[in-house]
Protein backbone atom coordinates (compact mmCIF):
# COMPACT_ATOMS: atom_id res chain seq x y z
CA MET A 1 207.60 -27.98 7.67
CA THR A 2 204.57 -27.89 10.23
CA GLU A 3 202.31 -30.87 10.91
CA HIS A 4 199.27 -30.73 8.42
CA LYS A 5 197.00 -31.78 10.95
CA ASP A 6 197.60 -28.27 12.61
CA PHE A 7 195.54 -26.79 9.96
CA ASP A 8 192.01 -26.33 11.28
CA LYS A 9 189.56 -24.75 8.65
CA LYS A 10 187.65 -23.31 11.38
CA LYS A 11 190.67 -21.70 13.01
CA ILE A 12 192.46 -20.28 9.89
CA ASN A 13 194.72 -17.45 10.97
CA ASP A 14 197.72 -15.73 9.77
CA GLY A 15 200.09 -17.69 12.00
CA GLU A 16 198.77 -21.01 10.57
CA LEU A 17 199.28 -20.12 6.98
CA GLN A 18 202.62 -18.39 7.55
CA LYS A 19 203.64 -21.87 8.72
CA TYR A 20 203.52 -23.09 5.12
CA SER A 21 205.41 -20.08 3.53
CA GLY A 22 208.58 -22.69 3.60
CA SER A 23 206.50 -24.97 1.15
CA TYR A 24 206.36 -21.90 -1.32
CA SER A 25 208.53 -21.44 -4.42
CA GLU A 26 207.63 -19.92 -7.86
CA GLU A 27 208.91 -23.34 -9.33
CA GLY A 28 206.61 -25.48 -6.97
CA LEU A 29 203.58 -23.22 -7.82
CA LEU A 30 204.08 -23.51 -11.55
CA HIS A 31 204.58 -27.12 -11.25
CA LYS A 32 201.26 -27.48 -9.29
CA ILE A 33 199.33 -25.24 -11.87
CA SER A 34 200.76 -26.99 -14.78
CA ARG A 35 200.26 -30.31 -13.47
CA TYR A 36 196.83 -29.98 -11.56
CA GLY A 37 195.48 -27.07 -13.14
CA ALA A 38 192.53 -28.93 -14.63
CA HIS A 39 191.70 -30.38 -11.09
CA ILE A 40 192.06 -27.05 -9.41
CA GLY A 41 189.77 -25.09 -11.46
CA ILE A 42 190.14 -21.77 -13.18
CA GLU A 43 188.33 -20.05 -10.19
CA LEU A 44 190.45 -21.08 -7.77
CA LEU A 45 193.62 -20.60 -10.11
CA TYR A 46 192.38 -16.86 -10.74
CA LYS A 47 192.60 -16.21 -6.90
CA VAL A 48 195.89 -17.96 -6.78
CA VAL A 49 197.36 -15.82 -9.66
CA GLN A 50 195.81 -12.77 -8.14
CA LEU A 51 197.95 -13.65 -4.88
CA TRP A 52 201.12 -14.14 -6.95
CA CYS A 53 200.57 -10.80 -8.41
CA VAL A 54 200.15 -9.04 -5.24
CA LEU A 55 203.32 -10.88 -3.85
CA GLN A 56 205.19 -9.23 -6.62
CA LYS A 57 204.28 -5.66 -5.71
CA PRO A 58 207.04 -4.17 -3.85
CA GLU A 59 204.66 -1.93 -1.55
CA VAL A 60 203.24 -5.02 0.10
CA PRO A 61 204.46 -5.33 3.66
CA ALA A 62 206.50 -8.41 4.69
CA LYS A 63 203.83 -9.62 7.10
CA GLU A 64 201.36 -9.84 4.04
CA LYS A 65 203.71 -11.46 1.72
CA ALA A 66 204.51 -14.14 4.36
CA LEU A 67 200.72 -14.79 4.55
CA ILE A 68 200.36 -15.01 0.80
CA MET A 69 203.40 -17.32 0.68
CA GLY A 70 201.77 -19.47 3.27
CA ALA A 71 198.54 -19.80 1.35
CA LEU A 72 200.47 -20.76 -1.87
CA GLY A 73 202.65 -22.97 -0.05
CA TYR A 74 199.70 -24.69 1.53
CA LEU A 75 198.39 -25.24 -2.02
CA ILE A 76 201.77 -26.62 -3.24
CA ALA A 77 202.46 -28.77 -0.06
CA PRO A 78 202.07 -32.44 -1.18
CA LEU A 79 200.08 -33.22 2.12
CA ASP A 80 197.38 -30.98 3.53
CA PHE A 81 194.32 -31.15 5.49
CA VAL A 82 192.41 -32.83 2.76
CA PRO A 83 194.48 -34.56 0.10
CA ASP A 84 194.18 -32.86 -3.04
CA MET A 85 193.13 -35.67 -5.09
CA THR A 86 190.37 -36.58 -2.79
CA PRO A 87 187.11 -36.48 -5.27
CA VAL A 88 184.94 -33.30 -4.75
CA LEU A 89 186.62 -32.17 -1.48
CA GLY A 90 190.31 -32.31 -2.67
CA TYR A 91 190.91 -28.44 -3.01
CA SER A 92 188.35 -27.36 -0.59
CA ASP A 93 190.85 -26.79 2.05
CA ASP A 94 193.07 -25.04 -0.24
CA LEU A 95 190.20 -22.86 -1.56
CA VAL A 96 189.69 -21.81 2.15
CA ALA A 97 193.31 -20.95 2.62
CA ILE A 98 193.57 -18.89 -0.80
CA THR A 99 190.38 -17.15 0.07
CA PHE A 100 191.38 -16.15 3.49
CA ALA A 101 194.77 -14.57 2.09
CA LEU A 102 192.89 -12.71 -0.37
CA LEU A 103 190.70 -11.17 2.09
CA LYS A 104 193.54 -10.09 4.29
CA VAL A 105 195.21 -8.56 1.31
CA GLN A 106 192.25 -7.19 -0.58
CA GLY A 107 193.43 -3.51 -0.44
CA TYR A 108 196.33 -4.66 -2.73
CA ILE A 109 194.08 -6.14 -5.52
CA ASP A 110 193.55 -3.21 -7.98
CA GLU A 111 192.86 -3.30 -11.55
CA GLU A 112 196.47 -3.75 -12.55
CA VAL A 113 196.53 -7.12 -10.41
CA ASP A 114 193.07 -8.18 -11.99
CA ALA A 115 194.25 -7.33 -15.38
CA ARG A 116 197.87 -9.25 -14.90
CA ALA A 117 195.98 -12.22 -13.52
CA LYS A 118 193.72 -12.43 -16.37
CA GLU A 119 196.35 -12.06 -18.71
CA LEU A 120 198.49 -14.70 -17.24
CA LEU A 121 195.59 -17.28 -17.21
CA ALA A 122 194.60 -16.38 -20.73
CA LYS A 123 197.90 -17.93 -21.86
CA VAL A 124 196.81 -21.18 -20.54
CA PHE A 125 192.92 -20.97 -20.82
CA ASP A 126 190.44 -20.15 -23.50
CA LYS A 127 190.30 -16.27 -23.55
CA ASP A 128 186.42 -16.41 -23.43
CA VAL A 129 186.55 -18.56 -20.19
CA VAL A 130 188.91 -16.01 -18.80
CA ALA A 131 186.83 -13.16 -19.80
CA LYS A 132 184.05 -14.58 -17.60
CA LEU A 133 185.94 -14.20 -14.50
């Protein structure tokens, strides 16, 4: 696992995020969401689930999948640039990493990904809240 101090929000790139791909696992992601979902917030969770849905698509190239796994791994990593439980700023670095990955794979985010992400979130959150996304 890479040193977390190497992650510089101003210098986010594919390589930096891919270093965190070893921290990714579906089990770890589900644990993070179930345990800290209320702290993370539905907007960030929506982006996380969109990335997860893109990761499931067979047509997505390995390089993009590695980037997604890195961004999700960064979210899962117990220690990162800004500790997650830090008031106000806790998930700000995670948001930057997730948003960066989303921008890189935005061509794979279609109506199917959007619908699937909302469907999954509706199992956890109020459907009216999810409908506003």
